[in-house]
Protein backbone atom coordinates (compact mmCIF):
# COMPACT_ATOMS: atom_id res chain seq x y z
CA MET A 1 253.07 191.95 185.04
CA LEU A 2 250.79 189.64 183.08
CA PRO A 3 247.49 190.81 182.03
CA GLU A 4 244.30 191.02 183.66
CA ILE A 5 242.24 187.95 182.57
CA LYS A 6 238.78 189.11 181.74
CA ASN A 7 236.39 187.01 179.20
CA LYS A 8 234.39 189.87 177.84
CA ILE A 9 230.84 188.71 176.19
CA HIS A 10 229.57 191.08 173.51
CA ASN A 11 226.45 190.81 171.12
CA HIS A 12 226.32 186.71 171.75
CA LEU A 13 230.14 186.51 170.29
CA GLU A 14 232.87 185.34 172.66
CA GLN A 15 236.01 187.61 172.14
CA TYR A 16 239.38 185.54 172.92
CA SER A 17 241.26 186.69 176.05
CA PHE A 18 244.87 186.83 176.26
CA ILE A 19 245.02 183.32 178.32
CA ASP A 20 242.81 181.67 175.50
CA THR A 21 245.60 182.51 173.41
CA LEU A 22 247.98 181.42 175.44
CA SER A 23 246.91 178.40 176.43
CA ASP A 24 246.52 177.52 172.59
CA GLY A 25 249.84 174.96 172.76
CA TYR A 26 248.86 173.12 176.52
CA TYR A 27 246.34 170.84 178.00
CA PHE A 28 245.67 170.04 181.72
CA ASP A 29 245.75 166.54 182.87
CA ILE A 30 245.68 164.86 186.68
CA ASN A 31 249.22 164.95 188.20
CA ASN A 32 250.89 161.83 187.91
CA TYR A 33 251.79 161.78 191.46
CA PRO A 34 250.80 158.55 193.51
CA ARG A 35 247.21 158.80 194.53
CA LYS A 36 244.84 155.87 195.55
CA ASN A 37 242.04 154.81 193.11
CA LEU A 38 238.84 154.98 194.83
CA GLY A 39 236.89 153.38 191.86
CA THR A 40 233.02 154.71 191.82
CA ARG A 41 230.83 152.29 192.60
CA TYR A 42 227.34 154.57 192.55
CA VAL A 43 226.58 157.61 191.35
CA HIS A 44 223.14 159.30 192.47
CA TYR A 45 221.53 162.75 191.67
CA SER A 46 219.64 164.05 194.08
CA GLN A 47 217.10 166.67 192.71
CA ALA A 48 215.84 168.03 195.99
CA THR A 49 219.52 169.33 197.13
CA HIS A 50 221.11 169.92 193.17
CA GLU A 51 223.70 167.46 194.57
CA LEU A 52 225.66 164.03 193.34
CA ILE A 53 226.13 161.17 195.86
CA ILE A 54 229.06 159.18 194.85
CA THR A 55 230.01 155.58 196.35
CA HIS A 56 233.31 153.99 196.02
CA ILE A 57 234.74 150.54 195.21
CA ASN A 58 237.61 150.51 197.29
CA THR A 59 236.50 152.55 200.62
CA GLY A 60 233.35 152.90 202.83
CA LYS A 61 233.35 156.68 202.63
CA VAL A 62 230.62 158.40 200.38
CA HIS A 63 231.16 161.79 198.69
CA VAL A 64 228.65 164.41 198.10
CA LEU A 65 229.26 167.32 195.90
CA ASN A 66 227.11 170.40 195.64
CA LEU A 67 226.68 171.28 191.91
CA LEU A 68 225.53 174.82 192.60
CA THR A 69 228.18 175.25 195.23
CA SER A 70 230.98 172.99 193.93
CA GLN A 71 231.34 172.50 198.15
CA LEU A 72 232.40 168.38 198.27
CA ARG A 73 231.58 166.91 201.73
CA ALA A 74 231.60 162.73 202.46
CA PHE A 75 230.35 160.61 205.49
CA HIS A 76 231.89 157.09 206.29
CA VAL A 77 229.39 155.16 208.25
CA HIS A 78 230.42 151.93 206.70
CA ASP A 79 233.80 150.19 207.33
CA VAL A 80 233.06 148.55 203.27
CA SER A 81 231.91 149.53 199.86
CA VAL A 82 228.67 151.07 199.79
CA ARG A 83 226.84 149.86 196.94
CA SER A 84 223.99 151.46 196.07
CA SER A 85 222.38 154.62 197.22
CA THR A 86 219.58 156.62 196.71
CA THR A 87 217.51 159.58 198.26
CA TYR A 88 213.97 160.37 199.30
CA ASP A 89 212.93 163.57 201.86
CA TYR A 90 216.46 164.78 202.43
CA LYS A 91 217.57 161.56 203.55
CA ILE A 92 220.22 159.30 201.72
CA VAL A 93 219.53 155.42 201.75
CA ASN A 94 222.63 153.18 201.08
CA ALA A 95 223.11 149.44 201.11
CA SER A 96 226.44 148.07 201.91
CA TRP A 97 228.72 145.29 201.49
CA ASP A 98 228.97 144.94 205.15
CA GLY A 99 224.97 143.86 205.20
CA SER A 100 223.58 146.66 206.64
CA VAL A 101 221.67 149.30 205.07
CA SER A 102 221.63 153.06 206.67
CA ILE A 103 219.81 155.97 206.74
CA VAL A 104 221.85 159.31 206.44
CA SER A 105 220.79 162.92 206.96
CA LEU A 106 221.10 164.54 203.59
CA ASN A 107 221.69 167.96 205.34
CA SER A 108 224.14 167.41 207.91
CA LEU A 109 225.43 163.70 206.68
CA LYS A 110 225.25 162.35 210.15
CA LEU A 111 223.91 158.71 210.56
CA ILE A 112 220.27 158.72 211.58
CA SER A 113 219.77 154.76 211.95
CA LYS A 114 221.31 151.71 210.65
CA LEU A 115 219.22 148.76 209.65
CA GLN A 116 220.41 145.08 210.13
CA ASP A 117 218.88 141.94 210.84
CA SER A 118 220.67 138.75 211.87
CA GLY A 119 221.65 136.37 208.72
CA GLN A 120 221.36 139.24 206.47
CA GLY A 121 224.50 139.09 204.40
CA ARG A 122 226.37 141.12 202.08
CA THR A 123 223.62 143.73 200.70
CA PRO A 124 224.24 145.33 197.00
CA TYR A 125 221.16 146.77 196.74
CA VAL A 126 218.22 149.25 198.27
CA THR A 127 215.46 150.94 197.01
CA THR A 128 212.46 153.19 198.73
CA SER A 129 208.61 152.93 198.81
CA THR A 130 207.13 154.98 196.34
CA ASP A 131 205.53 157.21 199.14
CA GLY A 132 209.25 156.84 201.11
CA GLU A 133 208.02 155.08 204.21
CA PHE A 134 209.81 152.04 203.64
CA CYS A 135 212.89 150.84 202.31
CA PHE A 136 213.58 147.70 200.79
CA SER A 137 217.12 145.90 200.47
CA PHE A 138 218.29 142.85 198.49
CA SER A 139 221.06 140.51 200.14
CA TYR A 140 223.00 137.60 199.81
CA ASP A 141 222.08 135.43 202.96
CA ASP A 142 223.69 132.60 202.00
CA ASP A 143 226.81 134.41 202.59
CA LEU A 144 226.35 133.71 206.47
CA ARG A 145 224.03 130.45 206.10
CA PRO A 146 225.36 128.35 203.21
CA GLY A 147 221.99 127.11 201.05
CA ILE A 148 219.72 130.09 202.16
CA PRO A 149 218.35 131.90 199.25
CA ASN A 150 218.66 135.79 198.60
CA CYS A 151 216.16 137.83 200.60
CA VAL A 152 214.38 141.28 200.43
CA ARG A 153 213.92 143.12 203.35
CA LYS A 154 211.01 145.52 204.27
CA TYR A 155 212.56 148.07 207.15
CA ARG A 156 210.43 151.09 208.16
CA ILE A 157 212.59 154.21 207.64
CA SER A 158 211.01 156.22 210.77
CA ASP A 159 212.23 154.04 213.26
CA GLY A 160 214.34 151.52 211.47
CA LYS A 161 212.43 148.37 212.25
CA LEU A 162 212.08 145.35 210.29
CA ILE A 163 208.42 144.99 208.60
CA ARG A 164 208.68 141.56 206.55
CA ARG A 165 211.05 139.20 205.06
CA PHE A 166 210.47 138.15 201.72
CA PRO A 167 212.59 134.44 200.90
CA LEU A 168 213.27 134.65 197.07
CA SER A 169 213.06 131.37 195.15
CA GLY A 170 216.01 128.94 194.32
CA LEU A 171 219.61 129.15 195.14
CA HIS A 172 222.46 130.54 193.62
CA LEU A 173 223.14 129.54 190.36
CA GLU A 174 226.98 129.95 190.46
CA GLY A 175 229.24 132.84 188.75
CA ARG A 176 228.68 136.42 189.69
CA ARG A 177 226.26 137.57 192.37
CA CYS A 178 223.56 139.68 191.14
CA GLY A 179 220.16 140.97 191.49
CA SER A 180 217.67 144.18 192.11
CA VAL A 181 214.40 144.69 193.53
CA GLU A 182 212.01 147.62 193.14
CA GLU A 183 208.23 148.37 194.20
CA ILE A 184 205.77 150.63 192.56
CA SER A 185 202.44 151.71 193.99
CA GLY A 186 199.83 149.45 194.25
CA ASN A 187 201.95 147.19 197.13
CA LEU A 188 203.95 145.39 194.06
CA LEU A 189 207.58 144.43 195.02
CA PHE A 190 209.51 142.80 191.80
CA CYS A 191 212.53 140.86 192.87
CA ILE A 192 215.19 139.46 190.47
CA SER A 193 218.35 137.13 191.38
CA ASP A 194 221.38 135.18 190.67
CA SER A 195 218.95 131.90 191.02
CA GLY A 196 217.08 132.72 187.42
CA TYR A 197 213.86 133.75 189.25
CA LEU A 198 211.60 136.74 188.57
CA ASN A 199 209.12 136.87 192.22
CA VAL A 200 206.43 139.51 192.26
CA TYR A 201 204.93 139.99 195.73
CA ASN A 202 202.19 142.04 197.19
CA HIS A 203 203.98 143.71 200.13
CA GLU A 204 201.46 144.43 202.09
CA THR A 205 200.31 140.88 202.53
CA SER A 206 203.52 139.04 201.74
CA GLU A 207 201.77 136.96 199.44
CA MET A 208 204.02 135.64 196.18
CA LEU A 209 201.83 136.90 192.86
CA THR A 210 204.53 135.67 190.65
CA GLU A 211 207.49 132.93 190.20
CA LYS A 212 209.04 132.40 186.91
CA PHE A 213 212.37 130.78 186.47
CA PHE A 214 214.19 132.11 183.36
CA ASN A 215 217.82 130.36 183.73
CA ASP A 216 219.93 133.17 183.74
CA LEU A 217 222.00 135.24 186.19
CA LEU A 218 219.30 138.26 186.72
CA GLU A 219 219.95 141.44 187.46
CA SER A 220 218.97 145.20 186.82
CA LEU A 221 215.50 145.15 186.94
CA VAL A 222 213.49 148.21 185.86
CA VAL A 223 209.82 148.34 185.91
CA ILE A 224 207.58 150.53 182.96
CA SER A 225 204.50 152.20 183.68
CA GLY A 226 202.03 149.60 181.30
CA ASN A 227 202.14 146.58 182.97
CA LYS A 228 205.92 145.99 181.85
CA LEU A 229 209.33 144.79 183.28
CA VAL A 230 212.60 144.86 181.94
CA PHE A 231 215.42 142.92 183.58
CA ALA A 232 219.10 141.38 182.29
CA GLY A 233 221.10 138.44 182.13
CA GLU A 234 224.63 137.55 183.28
CA ARG A 235 225.73 137.83 179.75
CA GLY A 236 223.94 141.13 178.55
CA ALA A 237 220.58 139.59 177.60
CA LEU A 238 217.27 141.73 177.95
CA PHE A 239 214.15 140.40 178.81
CA VAL A 240 211.00 142.13 178.55
CA THR A 241 208.16 140.87 179.98
CA ASP A 242 204.75 141.20 181.87
CA PHE A 243 203.79 141.79 185.43
CA ALA A 244 202.83 138.25 185.59
CA GLY A 245 206.42 137.25 183.99
CA SER A 246 205.02 136.04 180.71
CA LEU A 247 207.96 136.74 178.41
CA LEU A 248 207.28 139.23 175.58
CA THR A 249 210.71 140.12 173.96
CA LYS A 250 214.29 139.03 174.19
CA ILE A 251 217.14 140.40 173.19
CA PRO A 252 220.09 137.67 173.83
CA LYS A 253 222.72 140.45 173.34
CA GLY A 254 221.73 143.88 174.37
CA HIS A 255 225.05 143.90 175.79
CA ASN A 256 228.15 141.98 175.56
CA SER A 257 228.76 141.64 179.20
CA SER A 258 227.14 142.12 182.86
CA VAL A 259 224.40 144.72 182.99
CA SER A 260 225.29 146.85 186.11
CA GLN A 261 222.23 149.21 186.33
CA MET A 262 219.27 150.14 183.98
CA PHE A 263 216.73 152.85 184.79
CA VAL A 264 214.53 154.94 183.17
CA HIS A 265 215.16 158.60 181.72
CA PRO A 266 213.67 161.20 184.30
CA GLY A 267 212.68 163.44 181.46
CA LYS A 268 212.38 161.18 178.00
CA PRO A 269 210.67 157.67 177.11
CA GLU A 270 213.89 156.04 177.28
CA ILE A 271 215.58 153.20 179.17
CA ILE A 272 219.63 153.95 179.98
CA SER A 273 221.38 150.78 180.65
CA VAL A 274 224.62 150.43 181.71
CA SER A 275 227.25 147.46 181.46
CA PHE A 276 230.76 146.16 182.33
CA ASP A 277 231.18 145.82 178.50
CA GLY A 278 232.57 149.84 178.78
CA THR A 279 229.23 150.88 177.18
CA VAL A 280 225.97 152.72 178.39
CA LYS A 281 223.03 152.27 175.52
CA ARG A 282 219.62 154.33 175.51
CA TRP A 283 216.80 152.61 174.41
CA ASN A 284 213.45 153.74 173.46
CA LEU A 285 210.65 153.35 175.36
CA LEU A 286 207.97 153.91 172.98
CA PRO A 287 207.60 150.73 171.28
CA LEU A 288 206.97 148.88 174.60
CA ASN A 289 203.51 150.39 174.32
CA THR A 290 202.94 148.86 170.85
CA VAL A 291 201.29 145.33 170.39
CA CYS A 292 204.30 143.64 169.84
CA PRO A 293 206.57 145.35 172.46
CA LYS A 294 210.38 145.60 171.58
CA LEU A 295 213.43 147.68 172.99
CA GLU A 296 214.70 150.05 170.06
CA LEU A 297 217.98 150.89 170.29
CA LEU A 298 218.83 154.44 169.84
CA GLU A 299 222.43 155.39 170.68
CA THR A 300 225.65 153.38 172.01
CA ILE A 301 228.17 155.38 174.10
CA GLN A 302 231.13 153.67 174.18
CA ILE A 303 233.81 154.39 177.44
CA ASN A 304 235.79 151.56 177.48
CA GLU A 305 236.07 150.57 181.23
CA SER A 306 233.95 148.36 183.33
CA LEU A 307 230.85 150.56 184.25
CA TRP A 308 228.77 150.44 187.31
CA SER A 309 226.37 152.83 187.25
CA ALA A 310 224.83 155.98 185.88
CA THR A 311 222.60 158.93 186.42
CA ILE A 312 220.88 161.85 185.00
CA ILE A 313 221.20 165.24 185.89
CA LYS A 314 219.47 167.72 183.17
CA ASN A 315 220.85 167.08 180.07
CA LEU A 316 223.94 165.14 181.47
CA LEU A 317 224.65 161.68 181.36
CA VAL A 318 226.86 160.74 184.58
CA THR A 319 228.73 157.69 184.71
CA GLY A 320 230.95 155.59 187.27
CA GLY A 321 233.25 152.90 186.68
CA ASP A 322 236.33 150.73 188.00
CA ARG A 323 239.15 153.14 187.15
CA GLY A 324 237.11 156.25 189.20
CA ASP A 325 236.35 158.58 186.49
CA ILE A 326 233.04 159.96 186.49
CA HIS A 327 232.44 160.94 182.79
CA LEU A 328 230.05 163.46 181.71
CA PHE A 329 227.89 163.28 178.30
CA ASN A 330 225.67 165.94 177.08
CA ILE A 331 222.58 163.70 175.66
CA ASN A 332 220.04 166.44 174.80
CA LYS A 333 221.14 165.53 170.90
CA SER A 334 220.63 162.12 169.30
CA ASN A 335 224.74 161.55 169.00
CA ALA A 336 225.60 161.67 173.11
CA GLU A 337 228.77 164.81 173.10
CA SER A 338 231.23 164.02 175.78
CA VAL A 339 231.54 167.16 178.28
CA GLY A 340 234.75 165.77 180.48
CA ARG A 341 235.01 164.10 183.20
CA LEU A 342 235.04 164.12 187.25
CA LEU A 343 237.21 162.90 189.90
CA ILE A 344 237.01 162.58 193.40
CA PHE A 345 239.67 161.51 195.66
CA ASP A 346 239.97 161.84 199.99
CA ASP A 347 239.26 165.28 200.15
CA GLN A 348 239.55 167.19 196.75
CA PHE A 349 238.33 166.88 193.45
CA VAL A 350 238.57 167.83 189.84
CA LEU A 351 236.50 168.50 186.67
CA ILE A 352 238.34 168.74 183.24
CA SER A 353 236.59 169.18 180.08
CA ALA A 354 236.68 166.44 177.21
CA ASP A 355 239.31 168.73 175.42
CA LYS A 356 241.51 169.31 178.37
CA LYS A 357 241.38 173.17 177.86
CA LYS A 358 239.19 174.05 180.95
CA PHE A 359 238.91 172.62 184.23
CA PHE A 360 237.79 173.52 187.82
CA ALA A 361 239.86 171.80 191.09
CA SER A 362 239.22 171.93 194.69
CA ASP A 363 243.18 171.81 195.07
CA LEU A 364 245.59 173.09 191.99
CA SER A 365 247.94 170.48 192.93
CA LEU A 366 246.00 168.30 191.48
CA ILE A 367 246.59 169.40 187.98
CA GLN A 368 249.55 169.17 185.64
CA VAL A 369 249.99 171.45 182.24
CA ARG A 370 251.68 169.49 179.43
CA LYS A 371 252.40 170.50 175.90
CA ILE A 372 250.42 169.21 173.09
CA ASP A 373 253.16 166.49 172.69
CA GLY A 374 252.57 165.56 176.16
CA THR A 375 255.58 167.30 177.61
CA PRO A 376 255.15 168.28 181.24
CA VAL A 377 255.49 172.15 181.78
CA TYR A 378 256.94 173.58 185.26
CA GLY A 379 257.45 176.81 186.98
CA GLN A 380 255.88 180.00 186.23
CA LEU A 381 254.46 179.54 183.24
CA ALA A 382 252.66 176.50 184.58
CA ASP A 383 251.64 178.12 187.40
CA TYR A 384 250.17 181.16 185.79
CA LEU A 385 248.11 178.76 183.32
CA ILE A 386 247.00 176.78 186.38
CA ASN A 387 245.63 179.87 188.61
CA SER A 388 244.64 181.49 185.28
CA THR A 389 242.28 178.92 183.69
CA CYS A 390 240.98 177.30 187.10
CA SER A 391 237.40 178.73 186.98
CA PHE A 392 234.30 178.20 188.88
CA LYS A 393 232.73 179.32 185.80
CA PHE A 394 233.58 176.36 184.03
CA PHE A 395 231.97 174.14 186.61
CA HIS A 396 228.61 176.30 186.59
CA ASP A 397 228.76 175.99 183.21
CA VAL A 398 228.71 172.18 183.21
CA PHE A 399 226.10 171.90 185.83
CA ASN A 400 223.96 174.81 185.62
CA GLU A 401 223.40 175.48 182.11
CA GLN A 402 220.48 177.13 182.03
CA ASP A 403 221.58 180.04 184.78
CA LEU A 404 224.58 180.41 182.54
CA LYS A 405 222.60 181.16 179.28
CA GLU A 406 220.64 183.74 181.69
CA LEU A 407 224.25 185.60 182.53
CA SER A 408 225.57 184.99 178.97
CA ASN A 409 222.36 186.77 177.44
CA ASN A 410 223.38 189.91 179.42
CA PRO A 411 225.27 192.14 176.43
CA THR A 412 226.61 194.36 178.90
CA GLY A 413 228.12 191.38 180.88
CA TYR A 414 231.79 190.75 181.96
CA LEU A 415 232.84 187.14 183.36
CA GLN A 416 235.77 186.86 185.37
CA LEU A 417 237.77 184.10 185.41
CA ALA A 418 238.27 182.66 189.10
CA GLN A 419 241.74 182.65 190.48
């Protein structure tokens, strides 16, 4: 009979258990039987429910992973890829490649309404107003009617009513499709697109306040308090302007390829930029408030796959890309530290540590044991290692750091590894 597996914590020093010692010569990886790669298109963290929302490139299914309980749920209200997702007031707002926006209950995952206007083409991005009353969708309308400009639509979330259309200046400049829209209090609506134009509207009166041409495929817009905008061009250039569109500074090679997403860190004065060049970059926001505003690069995190999106969960940077792997980094220090990766399949998921020594899986058949030299391990030893190592404690440790610290500070406490 193999020994009982316990991990005793005494005087804040962790003592190695039998399973720790036994596992020294092995690591855990994803079982290599054929499995469809869903691709990760968009990741969004709902702070209200402590859930991670994951949309995919190769399916219309959207997964919702509860980071407190590890429960994985899903909804499927679009036939094709959901390109972006956000939450407000326990509702999930989704933009889809099918040319519609859906409103889904975050609690039940039931469809509340589907918002679609005649002539609305593929819809890659949606955002909500500051007060949560409206959503604004960005679409490529010349998908359906060639020669029609990109368009932003304002919908009321409560009843799905179309309030206004905002046609954007210029036509597609050729090359890849891109564009974005953001709203701030004061009724200002900022729109950039593959036409090369920045448009600023008063979305209550439909008055166009700004029209500026930058001769680049514009994408990934972020609005900074202090009347500044940061957005990207198709080849990785970063532009900083004021709200009137006057260029304040430009970084010609902020990235080496398209910038798929930018956003402001919710707890730090930083901008996070995500790119197809396989990197995530952290930029210091504070120099933007100086007389000569600029973007100061703090760190480049290399991931080596085409990246679509990222989100922040407490001290974690969470990224999604073409391969489907969701990479996790602790960015609480000056240099990001890899924590591990999360993989979502049709109805299962697995979280593996960066050193592949720890994991939590909803289905143990997802896991393969290997020797350090890569040789697969089978039989009773493999089963024992998998069953003994799979631990909700590890999942809890990654996503609920503060709670675990409080538990670990109990000098008489024991942590029983979950079976």
